[in-house]
Amino acid sequence: MSLMKLHQHQTNLKFSSSVGIFLSFMVATTILVTSQVTRANAQSTNRDAPTSLSTNIISVTGLKSEPKTYFYYFIAKSGELKLTLDIDAGSTNGNGVVSTVSIQDQDGNEFSQLLAGATPGIPGRQVKKIKFAQSTPVILMLTLPQGATANYTSKIKIEGDYQLINIR
């Protein structure tokens, strides 16, 4: 093999090795980012390990669900926090449904509660405004409907002075 071809062969090996290392790095980074996103978007049923909110809208759809409670964590800043709870019972749910949202401190002391009910074809909504004197870590507790016999949707929208958290 000539010296020129040997140098070209070594250069090609270095290039393909560098490409392999780069691709491995990209795959590892993608797996790491995806696993963090999945964990952040999971809905916790454990009050002591609430889901850190990364969006201001929580939407849960269920079918014939048993009652279930989810816990979320964020910071209510000094000022006014507006919460909107919407619920839709679906068009074929004969019983109607009720969802509740409780805003609490980390010890379980309640600042406020929302309760919205819906019947077939008639969605429900409740809006609450809560004032905080200082930045306060809060737990949002969402309790899903009992007795649903068809699809339903509960949606909470958070507006005003708050800070979403990616890692708790």
Protein backbone atom coordinates (compact mmCIF):
# COMPACT_ATOMS: atom_id res chain seq x y z
CA MET A 1 0.00 0.00 0.00
CA SER A 2 1.43 3.35 -0.93
CA LEU A 3 2.07 5.98 1.70
CA MET A 4 -0.74 8.17 0.24
CA LYS A 5 -3.29 5.32 0.36
CA LEU A 6 -2.19 4.37 3.90
CA HIS A 7 -2.71 7.97 5.08
CA GLN A 8 -6.13 8.12 3.36
CA HIS A 9 -7.11 4.77 4.97
CA GLN A 10 -6.08 6.01 8.44
CA THR A 11 -7.96 9.28 7.88
CA ASN A 12 -11.11 7.35 6.89
CA LEU A 13 -10.82 5.19 10.03
CA LYS A 14 -10.46 8.28 12.23
CA PHE A 15 -13.45 9.92 10.52
CA SER A 16 -15.71 6.87 10.88
CA SER A 17 -14.58 6.46 14.50
CA SER A 18 -15.41 10.15 15.17
CA VAL A 19 -18.80 9.75 13.49
CA GLY A 20 -19.49 6.67 15.63
CA ILE A 21 -18.58 8.51 18.83
CA PHE A 22 -20.73 11.51 17.78
CA LEU A 23 -23.71 9.27 16.96
CA SER A 24 -23.33 7.41 20.27
CA PHE A 25 -23.27 10.76 22.08
CA MET A 26 -26.41 11.92 20.24
CA VAL A 27 -28.28 8.68 21.03
CA ALA A 28 -27.27 8.86 24.72
CA THR A 29 -28.34 12.52 24.89
CA THR A 30 -31.69 11.73 23.25
CA ILE A 31 -32.35 8.88 25.71
CA LEU A 32 -31.45 11.10 28.65
CA VAL A 33 -33.66 13.99 27.51
CA THR A 34 -36.56 11.67 26.66
CA SER A 35 -36.41 9.92 30.02
CA GLN A 36 -36.48 13.28 31.83
CA VAL A 37 -39.42 14.51 29.75
CA THR A 38 -41.34 11.29 30.41
CA ARG A 39 -40.68 11.53 34.13
CA ALA A 40 -41.68 15.21 34.22
CA ASN A 41 -44.92 14.52 32.34
CA ALA A 42 -45.93 11.51 34.44
CA GLN A 43 -48.85 12.16 36.76
CA SER A 44 -48.05 11.42 40.36
CA THR A 45 -50.59 9.83 42.67
CA ASN A 46 -48.19 10.34 45.59
CA ARG A 47 -48.65 13.52 47.65
CA ASP A 48 -45.03 13.27 48.86
CA ALA A 49 -43.66 13.12 45.29
CA PRO A 50 -45.89 15.44 43.23
CA THR A 51 -45.36 16.02 39.52
CA SER A 52 -43.41 19.22 38.86
CA LEU A 53 -45.49 21.24 36.42
CA SER A 54 -43.83 22.19 33.14
CA THR A 55 -47.00 23.60 31.52
CA ASN A 56 -49.87 25.76 32.75
CA ILE A 57 -52.57 23.37 31.48
CA ILE A 58 -53.35 19.96 32.94
CA SER A 59 -55.77 17.86 30.90
CA VAL A 60 -56.92 14.38 31.92
CA THR A 61 -59.27 12.17 29.93
CA GLY A 62 -60.74 9.06 31.45
CA LEU A 63 -63.11 6.23 30.68
CA LYS A 64 -65.13 4.61 33.45
CA SER A 65 -62.36 5.57 35.83
CA GLU A 66 -62.39 4.79 39.50
CA PRO A 67 -61.82 7.88 41.62
CA LYS A 68 -58.18 8.90 41.36
CA THR A 69 -56.20 11.80 42.78
CA TYR A 70 -53.14 13.38 41.14
CA PHE A 71 -50.64 15.78 42.74
CA TYR A 72 -48.72 18.60 41.02
CA TYR A 73 -46.12 21.05 42.32
CA PHE A 74 -45.38 24.66 41.34
CA ILE A 75 -44.59 28.05 42.89
CA ALA A 76 -47.35 30.62 43.38
CA LYS A 77 -45.61 33.98 43.25
CA SER A 78 -46.56 37.12 45.13
CA GLY A 79 -49.74 38.35 43.46
CA GLU A 80 -52.88 36.77 42.02
CA LEU A 81 -53.20 33.22 40.76
CA LYS A 82 -56.19 32.35 38.57
CA LEU A 83 -57.32 28.74 38.23
CA THR A 84 -59.94 27.53 35.77
CA LEU A 85 -61.39 24.02 36.12
CA ASP A 86 -63.37 22.72 33.14
CA ILE A 87 -65.08 19.35 33.02
CA ASP A 88 -66.95 17.65 30.21
CA ALA A 89 -69.03 14.56 30.99
CA GLY A 90 -69.24 13.42 27.38
CA SER A 91 -72.50 13.01 25.52
CA THR A 92 -73.42 9.53 26.73
CA ASN A 93 -72.66 9.71 30.45
CA GLY A 94 -75.96 9.21 32.25
CA ASN A 95 -74.62 9.98 35.73
CA GLY A 96 -72.79 13.24 35.25
CA VAL A 97 -69.36 13.77 36.81
CA VAL A 98 -67.61 16.04 39.33
CA SER A 99 -63.93 16.99 39.57
CA THR A 100 -62.29 18.86 42.42
CA VAL A 101 -59.06 20.82 42.65
CA SER A 102 -57.46 21.78 45.93
CA ILE A 103 -54.55 24.22 46.24
CA GLN A 104 -52.53 23.42 49.35
CA ASP A 105 -49.22 24.17 50.99
CA GLN A 106 -46.74 21.31 51.36
CA ASP A 107 -48.22 20.40 54.76
CA GLY A 108 -51.72 19.90 53.30
CA ASN A 109 -53.22 23.19 54.53
CA GLU A 110 -55.75 24.32 51.93
CA PHE A 111 -55.64 27.78 50.34
CA SER A 112 -58.66 27.21 48.09
CA GLN A 113 -60.81 24.56 46.42
CA LEU A 114 -62.61 24.38 43.08
CA LEU A 115 -65.47 22.02 42.31
CA ALA A 116 -66.97 21.62 38.86
CA GLY A 117 -69.70 19.24 37.76
CA ALA A 118 -71.00 18.33 34.34
CA THR A 119 -73.95 16.40 32.99
CA PRO A 120 -74.32 14.83 29.53
CA GLY A 121 -73.96 17.55 26.92
CA ILE A 122 -73.56 20.32 29.52
CA PRO A 123 -69.94 20.97 30.50
CA GLY A 124 -69.07 22.62 33.81
CA ARG A 125 -66.62 25.33 34.79
CA GLN A 126 -65.41 27.01 37.95
CA VAL A 127 -62.89 29.85 38.17
CA LYS A 128 -61.08 30.94 41.34
CA LYS A 129 -58.62 33.71 42.02
CA ILE A 130 -56.22 33.34 44.94
CA LYS A 131 -53.92 36.06 46.27
CA PHE A 132 -50.51 35.21 47.68
CA ALA A 133 -48.51 37.72 49.73
CA GLN A 134 -45.20 36.04 48.90
CA SER A 135 -43.81 33.27 46.69
CA THR A 136 -45.19 30.00 48.03
CA PRO A 137 -44.55 26.40 46.97
CA VAL A 138 -47.98 24.83 46.40
CA ILE A 139 -49.45 21.42 45.69
CA LEU A 140 -52.35 21.24 43.25
CA MET A 141 -54.47 18.18 44.04
CA LEU A 142 -56.81 17.03 41.25
CA THR A 143 -59.48 14.49 42.14
CA LEU A 144 -61.11 12.86 39.13
CA PRO A 145 -64.80 11.97 38.85
CA GLN A 146 -66.44 9.07 40.58
CA GLY A 147 -69.08 6.98 38.88
CA ALA A 148 -68.25 7.94 35.30
CA THR A 149 -69.89 5.59 32.83
CA ALA A 150 -68.40 7.15 29.69
CA ASN A 151 -65.51 9.33 28.58
CA TYR A 152 -64.96 12.55 30.48
CA THR A 153 -62.34 15.30 30.38
CA SER A 154 -61.06 17.43 33.26
CA LYS A 155 -58.85 20.41 32.42
CA ILE A 156 -57.15 22.92 34.71
CA LYS A 157 -55.63 26.14 33.44
CA ILE A 158 -53.25 28.15 35.63
CA GLU A 159 -52.83 31.87 34.94
CA GLY A 160 -51.34 34.86 36.73
CA ASP A 161 -48.31 34.98 38.99
CA TYR A 162 -46.71 31.54 39.12
CA GLN A 163 -43.49 29.73 38.29
CA LEU A 164 -43.43 26.33 36.64
CA ILE A 165 -40.72 23.95 37.75
CA ASN A 166 -38.90 21.32 35.71
CA ILE A 167 -37.07 19.61 38.58
CA ARG A 168 -38.08 19.56 42.21
